[in-house]
N, C-alpha and C. Protein backbone atom coordinates (compact mmCIF):
# COMPACT_ATOMS: atom_id res chain seq x y z
N UNK A 1 56.68 -27.91 21.76
CA UNK A 1 55.43 -27.18 21.71
C UNK A 1 54.46 -27.82 20.75
N UNK A 2 53.25 -27.52 21.08
CA UNK A 2 52.18 -28.07 20.25
C UNK A 2 52.01 -27.23 18.98
N UNK A 3 51.69 -27.88 17.89
CA UNK A 3 51.54 -27.09 16.65
C UNK A 3 50.35 -26.13 16.73
N UNK A 4 49.36 -26.51 17.47
CA UNK A 4 48.21 -25.61 17.60
C UNK A 4 48.57 -24.38 18.42
N UNK A 5 49.42 -24.60 19.41
CA UNK A 5 49.83 -23.51 20.26
C UNK A 5 50.62 -22.47 19.46
N UNK A 6 51.47 -22.98 18.57
CA UNK A 6 52.26 -22.10 17.73
C UNK A 6 51.36 -21.25 16.82
N UNK A 7 50.36 -21.88 16.30
CA UNK A 7 49.43 -21.16 15.42
C UNK A 7 48.62 -20.15 16.23
N UNK A 8 48.22 -20.50 17.43
CA UNK A 8 47.49 -19.57 18.30
C UNK A 8 48.38 -18.39 18.63
N UNK A 9 49.65 -18.64 18.86
CA UNK A 9 50.58 -17.56 19.17
C UNK A 9 50.74 -16.61 17.98
N UNK A 10 50.74 -17.19 16.81
CA UNK A 10 50.84 -16.35 15.61
C UNK A 10 49.61 -15.45 15.50
N UNK A 11 48.44 -16.04 15.78
CA UNK A 11 47.21 -15.25 15.75
C UNK A 11 47.25 -14.12 16.77
N UNK A 12 47.73 -14.45 17.97
CA UNK A 12 47.80 -13.44 19.03
C UNK A 12 48.79 -12.34 18.68
N UNK A 13 49.89 -12.71 18.09
CA UNK A 13 50.86 -11.70 17.66
C UNK A 13 50.27 -10.80 16.58
N UNK A 14 49.56 -11.41 15.64
CA UNK A 14 48.91 -10.63 14.57
C UNK A 14 47.87 -9.67 15.16
N UNK A 15 47.09 -10.20 16.12
CA UNK A 15 46.07 -9.37 16.77
C UNK A 15 46.73 -8.23 17.54
N UNK A 16 47.83 -8.55 18.26
CA UNK A 16 48.52 -7.53 19.04
C UNK A 16 49.11 -6.46 18.13
N UNK A 17 49.62 -6.87 16.99
CA UNK A 17 50.24 -5.95 16.06
C UNK A 17 49.19 -5.08 15.34
N UNK A 18 48.02 -5.67 15.00
CA UNK A 18 47.00 -4.96 14.20
C UNK A 18 45.70 -4.76 14.98
N UNK A 19 45.74 -4.58 16.26
CA UNK A 19 44.52 -4.48 17.08
C UNK A 19 43.68 -3.26 16.72
N UNK A 20 44.30 -2.18 16.30
CA UNK A 20 43.55 -0.97 15.96
C UNK A 20 42.72 -1.21 14.69
N UNK A 21 43.34 -1.83 13.71
CA UNK A 21 42.63 -2.10 12.46
C UNK A 21 41.49 -3.08 12.69
N UNK A 22 41.75 -4.09 13.50
CA UNK A 22 40.71 -5.09 13.80
C UNK A 22 39.55 -4.44 14.54
N UNK A 23 39.87 -3.60 15.52
CA UNK A 23 38.84 -2.89 16.27
C UNK A 23 38.03 -1.98 15.36
N UNK A 24 38.74 -1.30 14.47
CA UNK A 24 38.06 -0.43 13.51
C UNK A 24 37.11 -1.22 12.62
N UNK A 25 37.55 -2.36 12.13
CA UNK A 25 36.69 -3.22 11.29
C UNK A 25 35.48 -3.69 12.08
N UNK A 26 35.69 -4.13 13.33
CA UNK A 26 34.57 -4.58 14.15
C UNK A 26 33.57 -3.44 14.42
N UNK A 27 34.10 -2.25 14.68
CA UNK A 27 33.22 -1.10 14.89
C UNK A 27 32.44 -0.75 13.63
N UNK A 28 33.10 -0.81 12.48
CA UNK A 28 32.41 -0.54 11.22
C UNK A 28 31.32 -1.57 10.95
N UNK A 29 31.63 -2.84 11.20
CA UNK A 29 30.62 -3.90 11.01
C UNK A 29 29.45 -3.66 11.96
N UNK A 30 29.75 -3.31 13.21
CA UNK A 30 28.68 -3.00 14.17
C UNK A 30 27.85 -1.80 13.73
N UNK A 31 28.55 -0.77 13.23
CA UNK A 31 27.85 0.42 12.74
C UNK A 31 26.94 0.08 11.56
N UNK A 32 27.44 -0.70 10.63
CA UNK A 32 26.64 -1.10 9.45
C UNK A 32 25.42 -1.91 9.89
N UNK A 33 25.63 -2.86 10.80
CA UNK A 33 24.50 -3.68 11.26
C UNK A 33 23.46 -2.82 11.98
N UNK A 34 23.95 -1.91 12.83
CA UNK A 34 23.01 -1.03 13.55
C UNK A 34 22.26 -0.12 12.57
N UNK A 35 22.95 0.41 11.57
CA UNK A 35 22.30 1.26 10.56
C UNK A 35 21.22 0.50 9.81
N UNK A 36 21.55 -0.73 9.44
CA UNK A 36 20.54 -1.55 8.74
C UNK A 36 19.33 -1.80 9.63
N UNK A 37 19.59 -2.06 10.90
CA UNK A 37 18.48 -2.29 11.85
C UNK A 37 17.62 -1.03 11.97
N UNK A 38 18.26 0.13 12.11
CA UNK A 38 17.51 1.38 12.22
C UNK A 38 16.75 1.69 10.94
N UNK A 39 17.36 1.42 9.79
CA UNK A 39 16.67 1.64 8.52
C UNK A 39 15.45 0.75 8.42
N UNK A 40 15.58 -0.48 8.89
CA UNK A 40 14.45 -1.41 8.88
C UNK A 40 13.34 -0.89 9.82
N UNK A 41 13.73 -0.37 10.97
CA UNK A 41 12.75 0.19 11.91
C UNK A 41 12.03 1.38 11.28
N UNK A 42 12.77 2.23 10.56
CA UNK A 42 12.16 3.38 9.89
C UNK A 42 11.18 2.90 8.82
N UNK A 43 11.56 1.87 8.07
CA UNK A 43 10.65 1.32 7.06
C UNK A 43 9.37 0.79 7.70
N UNK A 44 9.52 0.09 8.82
CA UNK A 44 8.35 -0.44 9.51
C UNK A 44 7.46 0.69 10.02
N UNK A 45 8.06 1.73 10.58
CA UNK A 45 7.29 2.88 11.06
C UNK A 45 6.59 3.58 9.90
N UNK A 46 7.29 3.69 8.77
CA UNK A 46 6.70 4.31 7.59
C UNK A 46 5.51 3.49 7.09
N UNK A 47 5.67 2.19 7.07
CA UNK A 47 4.58 1.32 6.63
C UNK A 47 3.37 1.44 7.55
N UNK A 48 3.63 1.49 8.86
CA UNK A 48 2.52 1.63 9.81
C UNK A 48 1.83 2.97 9.63
N UNK A 49 2.61 4.04 9.45
CA UNK A 49 2.03 5.36 9.24
C UNK A 49 1.24 5.40 7.94
N UNK A 50 1.78 4.80 6.91
CA UNK A 50 1.10 4.77 5.61
C UNK A 50 -0.23 4.03 5.71
N UNK A 51 -0.23 2.91 6.43
CA UNK A 51 -1.46 2.15 6.61
C UNK A 51 -2.48 2.96 7.41
N UNK A 52 -2.03 3.66 8.44
CA UNK A 52 -2.95 4.48 9.25
C UNK A 52 -3.51 5.63 8.41
N UNK A 53 -2.66 6.24 7.61
CA UNK A 53 -3.14 7.33 6.75
C UNK A 53 -4.11 6.82 5.69
N UNK A 54 -3.83 5.66 5.14
CA UNK A 54 -4.74 5.08 4.15
C UNK A 54 -6.11 4.80 4.79
N UNK A 55 -6.09 4.30 6.01
CA UNK A 55 -7.34 4.04 6.74
C UNK A 55 -8.08 5.35 6.99
N UNK A 56 -7.34 6.38 7.35
CA UNK A 56 -7.96 7.69 7.58
C UNK A 56 -8.55 8.26 6.29
N UNK A 57 -7.84 8.06 5.18
CA UNK A 57 -8.36 8.52 3.89
C UNK A 57 -9.66 7.81 3.55
N UNK A 58 -9.71 6.52 3.77
CA UNK A 58 -10.93 5.76 3.50
C UNK A 58 -12.08 6.25 4.38
N UNK A 59 -11.77 6.54 5.66
CA UNK A 59 -12.79 7.05 6.56
C UNK A 59 -13.29 8.41 6.09
N UNK A 60 -12.37 9.29 5.66
CA UNK A 60 -12.76 10.60 5.17
C UNK A 60 -13.58 10.49 3.89
N UNK A 61 -13.24 9.54 3.03
CA UNK A 61 -14.02 9.33 1.82
C UNK A 61 -15.44 8.90 2.17
N UNK A 62 -15.56 8.04 3.16
CA UNK A 62 -16.88 7.59 3.60
C UNK A 62 -17.68 8.75 4.16
N UNK A 63 -17.05 9.55 5.00
CA UNK A 63 -17.73 10.73 5.57
C UNK A 63 -18.14 11.68 4.46
N UNK A 64 -17.25 11.88 3.50
CA UNK A 64 -17.55 12.78 2.38
C UNK A 64 -18.74 12.26 1.57
N UNK A 65 -18.78 10.97 1.33
CA UNK A 65 -19.90 10.38 0.59
C UNK A 65 -21.21 10.57 1.36
N UNK A 66 -21.16 10.40 2.68
CA UNK A 66 -22.36 10.62 3.50
C UNK A 66 -22.80 12.08 3.43
N UNK A 67 -21.85 13.00 3.48
CA UNK A 67 -22.19 14.42 3.40
C UNK A 67 -22.80 14.77 2.05
N UNK A 68 -22.26 14.20 1.00
CA UNK A 68 -22.82 14.45 -0.34
C UNK A 68 -24.24 13.90 -0.41
N UNK A 69 -24.44 12.71 0.15
CA UNK A 69 -25.78 12.12 0.15
C UNK A 69 -26.76 13.01 0.92
N UNK A 70 -26.33 13.51 2.07
CA UNK A 70 -27.19 14.38 2.87
C UNK A 70 -27.47 15.69 2.13
N UNK A 71 -26.46 16.22 1.46
CA UNK A 71 -26.64 17.45 0.70
C UNK A 71 -27.64 17.24 -0.44
N UNK A 72 -27.50 16.13 -1.14
CA UNK A 72 -28.43 15.83 -2.23
C UNK A 72 -29.85 15.68 -1.71
N UNK A 73 -29.99 15.01 -0.57
CA UNK A 73 -31.31 14.84 0.04
C UNK A 73 -31.90 16.19 0.43
N UNK A 74 -31.09 17.05 1.04
CA UNK A 74 -31.55 18.38 1.43
C UNK A 74 -31.92 19.20 0.20
N UNK A 75 -31.14 19.06 -0.86
CA UNK A 75 -31.43 19.79 -2.10
C UNK A 75 -32.75 19.31 -2.71
N UNK A 76 -32.98 18.01 -2.70
CA UNK A 76 -34.25 17.48 -3.21
C UNK A 76 -35.43 17.97 -2.36
N UNK A 77 -35.26 17.98 -1.03
CA UNK A 77 -36.32 18.49 -0.16
C UNK A 77 -36.57 19.97 -0.44
N UNK A 78 -35.50 20.73 -0.66
CA UNK A 78 -35.64 22.15 -0.97
C UNK A 78 -36.38 22.34 -2.29
N UNK A 79 -36.00 21.58 -3.31
CA UNK A 79 -36.67 21.69 -4.61
C UNK A 79 -38.14 21.35 -4.49
N UNK A 80 -38.45 20.31 -3.72
CA UNK A 80 -39.85 19.92 -3.54
C UNK A 80 -40.63 21.01 -2.81
N UNK A 81 -40.03 21.56 -1.76
CA UNK A 81 -40.74 22.62 -1.03
C UNK A 81 -40.91 23.86 -1.90
N UNK A 82 -39.92 24.15 -2.74
CA UNK A 82 -40.06 25.29 -3.66
C UNK A 82 -41.15 25.03 -4.70
N UNK A 83 -41.25 23.79 -5.15
CA UNK A 83 -42.30 23.45 -6.11
C UNK A 83 -43.68 23.62 -5.47
N UNK A 84 -43.81 23.13 -4.23
CA UNK A 84 -45.08 23.26 -3.51
C UNK A 84 -45.40 24.73 -3.27
N UNK A 85 -44.40 25.49 -2.87
CA UNK A 85 -44.60 26.91 -2.61
C UNK A 85 -45.00 27.66 -3.88
N UNK A 86 -44.35 27.33 -5.00
CA UNK A 86 -44.69 27.96 -6.28
C UNK A 86 -46.12 27.62 -6.67
N UNK A 87 -46.53 26.38 -6.44
CA UNK A 87 -47.90 25.98 -6.76
C UNK A 87 -48.90 26.72 -5.89
N UNK A 88 -48.60 26.84 -4.60
CA UNK A 88 -49.48 27.58 -3.70
C UNK A 88 -49.55 29.06 -4.10
N UNK A 89 -48.41 29.62 -4.49
CA UNK A 89 -48.37 31.01 -4.93
C UNK A 89 -49.23 31.19 -6.19
N UNK A 90 -49.10 30.27 -7.13
CA UNK A 90 -49.91 30.35 -8.36
C UNK A 90 -51.39 30.28 -8.03
N UNK A 91 -51.77 29.37 -7.13
CA UNK A 91 -53.18 29.26 -6.74
C UNK A 91 -53.67 30.53 -6.05
N UNK A 92 -52.81 31.11 -5.19
CA UNK A 92 -53.18 32.34 -4.50
C UNK A 92 -53.37 33.48 -5.50
N UNK A 93 -52.49 33.57 -6.49
CA UNK A 93 -52.66 34.61 -7.51
C UNK A 93 -53.95 34.41 -8.29
N UNK A 94 -54.27 33.18 -8.62
CA UNK A 94 -55.53 32.90 -9.33
C UNK A 94 -56.72 33.29 -8.46
N UNK A 95 -56.62 32.98 -7.17
CA UNK A 95 -57.71 33.32 -6.24
C UNK A 95 -57.86 34.83 -6.13
N UNK A 96 -56.75 35.54 -6.03
CA UNK A 96 -56.80 37.01 -5.96
C UNK A 96 -57.41 37.58 -7.23
N UNK A 97 -56.98 37.05 -8.36
CA UNK A 97 -57.52 37.51 -9.64
C UNK A 97 -59.02 37.25 -9.71
N UNK A 98 -59.43 36.07 -9.27
CA UNK A 98 -60.86 35.74 -9.28
C UNK A 98 -61.64 36.66 -8.35
N UNK A 99 -61.09 36.89 -7.15
CA UNK A 99 -61.78 37.76 -6.19
C UNK A 99 -61.86 39.20 -6.72
N UNK A 100 -60.81 39.69 -7.35
CA UNK A 100 -60.84 41.04 -7.93
C UNK A 100 -61.91 41.13 -9.01
N UNK A 101 -61.95 40.10 -9.84
CA UNK A 101 -62.97 40.11 -10.90
C UNK A 101 -64.37 40.12 -10.29
N UNK A 102 -64.59 39.29 -9.28
CA UNK A 102 -65.91 39.25 -8.63
C UNK A 102 -66.23 40.59 -7.97
N UNK A 103 -65.20 41.15 -7.30
CA UNK A 103 -65.42 42.43 -6.62
C UNK A 103 -65.71 43.53 -7.64
N UNK A 104 -65.00 43.51 -8.75
CA UNK A 104 -65.21 44.50 -9.81
C UNK A 104 -66.62 44.39 -10.37
N UNK A 105 -67.03 43.15 -10.63
CA UNK A 105 -68.39 42.94 -11.14
C UNK A 105 -69.43 43.40 -10.12
N UNK A 106 -69.12 43.12 -8.83
CA UNK A 106 -70.04 43.54 -7.77
C UNK A 106 -70.14 45.06 -7.70
N UNK A 107 -68.98 45.77 -7.79
CA UNK A 107 -68.99 47.23 -7.78
C UNK A 107 -69.76 47.78 -8.99
N UNK A 108 -69.51 47.18 -10.14
CA UNK A 108 -70.23 47.64 -11.34
C UNK A 108 -71.72 47.45 -11.15
N UNK A 109 -72.09 46.31 -10.62
CA UNK A 109 -73.51 46.02 -10.40
C UNK A 109 -74.10 46.95 -9.34
N UNK A 110 -73.35 47.13 -8.23
CA UNK A 110 -73.89 47.93 -7.13
C UNK A 110 -73.92 49.42 -7.44
N UNK A 111 -72.88 49.93 -8.08
CA UNK A 111 -72.75 51.37 -8.21
C UNK A 111 -72.96 51.90 -9.64
N UNK A 112 -73.40 51.11 -10.57
CA UNK A 112 -73.59 51.61 -11.93
C UNK A 112 -74.71 52.64 -12.00
N UNK A 113 -75.67 52.54 -11.13
CA UNK A 113 -76.79 53.47 -11.14
C UNK A 113 -76.67 54.52 -10.04
N UNK A 114 -75.98 54.20 -8.96
CA UNK A 114 -75.92 55.09 -7.81
C UNK A 114 -74.52 55.66 -7.67
N UNK A 115 -74.26 56.81 -8.24
CA UNK A 115 -72.94 57.45 -8.23
C UNK A 115 -72.59 57.96 -6.84
N UNK A 116 -73.57 58.41 -6.07
CA UNK A 116 -73.29 58.90 -4.72
C UNK A 116 -72.82 57.77 -3.80
N UNK A 117 -73.40 56.59 -3.95
CA UNK A 117 -72.99 55.45 -3.14
C UNK A 117 -71.55 55.04 -3.50
N UNK A 118 -71.20 55.15 -4.79
CA UNK A 118 -69.84 54.87 -5.22
C UNK A 118 -68.86 55.86 -4.59
N UNK A 119 -69.21 57.13 -4.60
CA UNK A 119 -68.37 58.16 -4.00
C UNK A 119 -68.20 57.90 -2.51
N UNK A 120 -69.27 57.52 -1.84
CA UNK A 120 -69.24 57.22 -0.40
C UNK A 120 -68.33 56.01 -0.13
N UNK A 121 -68.43 54.98 -0.95
CA UNK A 121 -67.60 53.78 -0.78
C UNK A 121 -66.12 54.12 -0.96
N UNK A 122 -65.80 54.94 -1.94
CA UNK A 122 -64.40 55.34 -2.18
C UNK A 122 -63.88 56.15 -1.00
N UNK A 123 -64.72 57.08 -0.48
CA UNK A 123 -64.30 57.90 0.65
C UNK A 123 -64.04 57.03 1.89
N UNK A 124 -64.87 56.06 2.11
CA UNK A 124 -64.69 55.18 3.28
C UNK A 124 -63.44 54.31 3.11
N UNK A 125 -63.28 53.76 1.94
CA UNK A 125 -62.18 52.82 1.71
C UNK A 125 -60.81 53.49 1.66
N UNK A 126 -60.71 54.61 0.94
CA UNK A 126 -59.40 55.23 0.71
C UNK A 126 -59.18 56.54 1.47
N UNK A 127 -60.16 57.04 2.13
CA UNK A 127 -60.03 58.25 2.91
C UNK A 127 -60.02 59.53 2.07
N UNK A 128 -60.51 59.45 0.84
CA UNK A 128 -60.62 60.64 -0.01
C UNK A 128 -61.86 61.42 0.39
N UNK A 129 -61.79 62.69 0.04
CA UNK A 129 -62.97 63.53 0.23
C UNK A 129 -63.52 63.82 -1.17
N UNK A 130 -64.76 63.52 -1.33
CA UNK A 130 -65.40 63.70 -2.64
C UNK A 130 -65.86 65.14 -2.77
N UNK A 131 -65.42 65.80 -3.84
CA UNK A 131 -65.84 67.16 -4.13
C UNK A 131 -66.52 67.13 -5.50
N UNK A 132 -67.87 67.34 -5.52
CA UNK A 132 -68.58 67.29 -6.81
C UNK A 132 -68.34 68.49 -7.68
């Protein structure tokens, strides 16, 4: 017999005698390799999700900055319109005050001598009845 054949026979006898243990070892090695592969796939999926979420966060930050800018612009427009409105209100009050003063002076001038005309004007304006 060939010396190699003898050694091959020894290997085959060992395999035949311990086939369960060898199969178990091969299955464990396969399980470990598959687990590592799946763990790597999970890491890759996590990295992709993290990158997508980071991109979404950046987009939301940009949208938020735009909204803040629009809010500030609207607030400035509101303040300006309130300033203009307050100025117009102040002018209107001054005009009313001026007109009242002129009207008062006119009444004093018109009715200082004629009491009956004053009574008539009050009756027409306010609906009072004058009783002397």
